[in-house]
Amino acid sequence: MSGSKVYSQDIIRARLAQELPHWRYEDGAIERIYRTQGWKGTLMVVNAIGHLAEAAWHHPDIHASYPSVKVRLNTHDAGGVTDMDFALAAKIESVIMWQPAREHGPLAGTPSDPAYAYIHYDE
């Protein structure tokens, strides 16, 4: 996608503040750290991000550790952050931070018992 528009640092930071407030710009990429409750949660988050990235055909750098997952996005062949990165970041954010119980629909979400927790949700 070398024809993709690369954004300046100022535009990237402004868009992050408006669209993805838990993401930040660092060293040429947008990134987010998802805090998990342990290895099981980390693997669930990595696999979800992997599925979204493969479906989008846009592949982030992912660092997995026991209590967290760090995801970094930039468009390598364009040489910076593009709309592709913002779009995939938004999709990742919506899936990873999804809390069905807050929608008051038929899906209850995970029980409030800490034994079932796998991720720390942003409040």
C-alpha atoms as a PDB file:
ATOM      1  CA  MET A   1       0.000   0.000   0.000  1.00  0.00           C
ATOM      2  CA  SER A   2       2.796   2.406  -0.781  1.00  0.00           C
ATOM      3  CA  GLY A   3       0.210   4.898  -2.072  1.00  0.00           C
ATOM      4  CA  SER A   4      -1.230   5.309   1.435  1.00  0.00           C
ATOM      5  CA  LYS A   5      -0.953   8.764   2.976  1.00  0.00           C
ATOM      6  CA  VAL A   6       1.524   8.888   5.857  1.00  0.00           C
ATOM      7  CA  TYR A   7       0.428  11.212   8.656  1.00  0.00           C
ATOM      8  CA  SER A   8       2.615  13.656  10.557  1.00  0.00           C
ATOM      9  CA  GLN A   9       3.254  13.182  14.274  1.00  0.00           C
ATOM     10  CA  ASP A  10       0.949  16.101  15.127  1.00  0.00           C
ATOM     11  CA  ILE A  11      -1.956  14.665  13.123  1.00  0.00           C
ATOM     12  CA  ILE A  12      -1.357  11.188  14.530  1.00  0.00           C
ATOM     13  CA  ARG A  13      -1.418  12.463  18.108  1.00  0.00           C
ATOM     14  CA  ALA A  14      -4.545  14.527  17.466  1.00  0.00           C
ATOM     15  CA  ARG A  15      -6.349  11.573  15.894  1.00  0.00           C
ATOM     16  CA  LEU A  16      -5.320   9.275  18.724  1.00  0.00           C
ATOM     17  CA  ALA A  17      -6.613  11.747  21.308  1.00  0.00           C
ATOM     18  CA  GLN A  18      -9.945  11.937  19.492  1.00  0.00           C
ATOM     19  CA  GLU A  19     -10.406   8.387  18.167  1.00  0.00           C
ATOM     20  CA  LEU A  20      -8.226   6.054  20.240  1.00  0.00           C
ATOM     21  CA  PRO A  21      -7.434   7.687  23.585  1.00  0.00           C
ATOM     22  CA  HIS A  22      -5.749   4.590  25.057  1.00  0.00           C
ATOM     23  CA  TRP A  23      -3.302   4.371  22.171  1.00  0.00           C
ATOM     24  CA  ARG A  24      -0.123   6.436  21.838  1.00  0.00           C
ATOM     25  CA  TYR A  25       2.392   7.351  19.171  1.00  0.00           C
ATOM     26  CA  GLU A  26       5.899   6.046  19.835  1.00  0.00           C
ATOM     27  CA  ASP A  27       8.905   5.559  17.560  1.00  0.00           C
ATOM     28  CA  GLY A  28       7.035   5.705  14.252  1.00  0.00           C
ATOM     29  CA  ALA A  29       4.049   3.557  15.199  1.00  0.00           C
ATOM     30  CA  ILE A  30       0.811   3.709  17.126  1.00  0.00           C
ATOM     31  CA  GLU A  31       0.719   1.324  20.049  1.00  0.00           C
ATOM     32  CA  ARG A  32      -1.422   0.065  22.881  1.00  0.00           C
ATOM     33  CA  ILE A  33      -0.734  -2.131  25.877  1.00  0.00           C
ATOM     34  CA  TYR A  34      -3.571  -4.391  26.986  1.00  0.00           C
ATOM     35  CA  ARG A  35      -3.208  -5.539  30.583  1.00  0.00           C
ATOM     36  CA  THR A  36      -4.298  -9.119  31.135  1.00  0.00           C
ATOM     37  CA  GLN A  37      -4.933 -11.282  34.186  1.00  0.00           C
ATOM     38  CA  GLY A  38      -2.222 -13.744  33.196  1.00  0.00           C
ATOM     39  CA  TRP A  39      -1.019 -16.023  30.463  1.00  0.00           C
ATOM     40  CA  LYS A  40      -4.485 -17.336  29.499  1.00  0.00           C
ATOM     41  CA  GLY A  41      -5.732 -13.796  28.932  1.00  0.00           C
ATOM     42  CA  THR A  42      -2.575 -12.854  27.059  1.00  0.00           C
ATOM     43  CA  LEU A  43      -3.013 -15.754  24.644  1.00  0.00           C
ATOM     44  CA  MET A  44      -6.690 -14.895  24.098  1.00  0.00           C
ATOM     45  CA  VAL A  45      -5.818 -11.279  23.270  1.00  0.00           C
ATOM     46  CA  VAL A  46      -2.942 -12.254  20.956  1.00  0.00           C
ATOM     47  CA  ASN A  47      -5.127 -14.726  19.082  1.00  0.00           C
ATOM     48  CA  ALA A  48      -7.952 -12.207  18.663  1.00  0.00           C
ATOM     49  CA  ILE A  49      -5.533  -9.573  17.345  1.00  0.00           C
ATOM     50  CA  GLY A  50      -3.940 -12.171  15.075  1.00  0.00           C
ATOM     51  CA  HIS A  51      -7.301 -13.080  13.573  1.00  0.00           C
ATOM     52  CA  LEU A  52      -8.226  -9.435  12.932  1.00  0.00           C
ATOM     53  CA  ALA A  53      -4.821  -8.656  11.433  1.00  0.00           C
ATOM     54  CA  GLU A  54      -4.874 -11.636   9.112  1.00  0.00           C
ATOM     55  CA  ALA A  55      -8.431 -10.902   7.984  1.00  0.00           C
ATOM     56  CA  ALA A  56      -7.404  -7.279   7.289  1.00  0.00           C
ATOM     57  CA  TRP A  57      -4.091  -8.344   5.695  1.00  0.00           C
ATOM     58  CA  HIS A  58      -2.306  -5.770   7.835  1.00  0.00           C
ATOM     59  CA  HIS A  59       0.096  -7.194  10.371  1.00  0.00           C
ATOM     60  CA  PRO A  60       1.116  -5.516  13.632  1.00  0.00           C
ATOM     61  CA  ASP A  61       4.101  -6.149  15.819  1.00  0.00           C
ATOM     62  CA  ILE A  62       2.886  -7.978  18.917  1.00  0.00           C
ATOM     63  CA  HIS A  63       4.797  -8.453  22.160  1.00  0.00           C
ATOM     64  CA  ALA A  64       3.215 -10.996  24.504  1.00  0.00           C
ATOM     65  CA  SER A  65       4.158 -11.347  28.154  1.00  0.00           C
ATOM     66  CA  TYR A  66       2.493 -12.888  31.191  1.00  0.00           C
ATOM     67  CA  PRO A  67       0.534  -9.781  32.262  1.00  0.00           C
ATOM     68  CA  SER A  68       0.145  -7.839  29.021  1.00  0.00           C
ATOM     69  CA  VAL A  69       0.048  -7.616  25.246  1.00  0.00           C
ATOM     70  CA  LYS A  70       1.670  -4.731  23.405  1.00  0.00           C
ATOM     71  CA  VAL A  71       0.504  -4.129  19.840  1.00  0.00           C
ATOM     72  CA  ARG A  72       2.256  -1.706  17.452  1.00  0.00           C
ATOM     73  CA  LEU A  73       0.956  -0.621  14.081  1.00  0.00           C
ATOM     74  CA  ASN A  74       2.510   1.194  11.178  1.00  0.00           C
ATOM     75  CA  THR A  75       2.375   0.649   7.439  1.00  0.00           C
ATOM     76  CA  HIS A  76       5.865  -0.607   6.664  1.00  0.00           C
ATOM     77  CA  ASP A  77       5.765  -0.185   2.898  1.00  0.00           C
ATOM     78  CA  ALA A  78       4.408   3.380   3.238  1.00  0.00           C
ATOM     79  CA  GLY A  79       7.029   4.281   5.820  1.00  0.00           C
ATOM     80  CA  GLY A  80       4.744   5.470   8.607  1.00  0.00           C
ATOM     81  CA  VAL A  81       1.286   5.577  10.134  1.00  0.00           C
ATOM     82  CA  THR A  82      -1.617   5.565   7.650  1.00  0.00           C
ATOM     83  CA  ASP A  83      -5.381   5.140   7.659  1.00  0.00           C
ATOM     84  CA  MET A  84      -4.810   1.379   7.581  1.00  0.00           C
ATOM     85  CA  ASP A  85      -3.232   1.585  11.024  1.00  0.00           C
ATOM     86  CA  PHE A  86      -6.028   3.675  12.490  1.00  0.00           C
ATOM     87  CA  ALA A  87      -8.663   1.360  11.014  1.00  0.00           C
ATOM     88  CA  LEU A  88      -7.072  -1.811  12.372  1.00  0.00           C
ATOM     89  CA  ALA A  89      -6.405  -0.188  15.758  1.00  0.00           C
ATOM     90  CA  ALA A  90     -10.080   0.793  16.020  1.00  0.00           C
ATOM     91  CA  LYS A  91     -11.188  -2.733  15.151  1.00  0.00           C
ATOM     92  CA  ILE A  92      -8.756  -4.268  17.662  1.00  0.00           C
ATOM     93  CA  GLU A  93      -9.926  -1.837  20.336  1.00  0.00           C
ATOM     94  CA  SER A  94     -13.603  -2.617  19.739  1.00  0.00           C
ATOM     95  CA  VAL A  95     -13.056  -6.377  19.927  1.00  0.00           C
ATOM     96  CA  ILE A  96     -10.601  -6.568  22.835  1.00  0.00           C
ATOM     97  CA  MET A  97     -12.456  -4.038  25.009  1.00  0.00           C
ATOM     98  CA  TRP A  98     -15.927  -5.419  24.216  1.00  0.00           C
ATOM     99  CA  GLN A  99     -18.009  -5.928  27.358  1.00  0.00           C
ATOM    100  CA  PRO A 100     -21.318  -7.586  26.461  1.00  0.00           C
ATOM    101  CA  ALA A 101     -22.862  -6.917  29.887  1.00  0.00           C
ATOM    102  CA  ARG A 102     -22.676  -3.168  29.236  1.00  0.00           C
ATOM    103  CA  GLU A 103     -24.928  -3.586  26.193  1.00  0.00           C
ATOM    104  CA  HIS A 104     -27.772  -4.961  28.367  1.00  0.00           C
ATOM    105  CA  GLY A 105     -28.546  -7.583  25.743  1.00  0.00           C
ATOM    106  CA  PRO A 106     -28.813 -11.368  25.950  1.00  0.00           C
ATOM    107  CA  LEU A 107     -25.037 -11.877  26.337  1.00  0.00           C
ATOM    108  CA  ALA A 108     -24.054 -11.587  29.990  1.00  0.00           C
ATOM    109  CA  GLY A 109     -20.284 -11.426  29.651  1.00  0.00           C
ATOM    110  CA  THR A 110     -17.846 -13.069  32.031  1.00  0.00           C
ATOM    111  CA  PRO A 111     -18.886 -13.472  35.681  1.00  0.00           C
ATOM    112  CA  SER A 112     -17.619 -10.850  38.113  1.00  0.00           C
ATOM    113  CA  ASP A 113     -15.743 -13.566  40.029  1.00  0.00           C
ATOM    114  CA  PRO A 114     -11.974 -12.869  39.640  1.00  0.00           C
ATOM    115  CA  ALA A 115     -11.432 -16.537  38.754  1.00  0.00           C
ATOM    116  CA  TYR A 116     -13.013 -15.808  35.373  1.00  0.00           C
ATOM    117  CA  ALA A 117     -11.271 -12.513  34.663  1.00  0.00           C
ATOM    118  CA  TYR A 118      -8.819 -12.483  31.776  1.00  0.00           C
ATOM    119  CA  ILE A 119      -8.307  -8.802  30.933  1.00  0.00           C
ATOM    120  CA  HIS A 120      -8.287  -5.468  32.733  1.00  0.00           C
ATOM    121  CA  TYR A 121     -10.970  -3.306  31.131  1.00  0.00           C
ATOM    122  CA  ASP A 122     -10.538   0.437  30.785  1.00  0.00           C
ATOM    123  CA  GLU A 123     -13.051   2.301  32.910  1.00  0.00           C
END
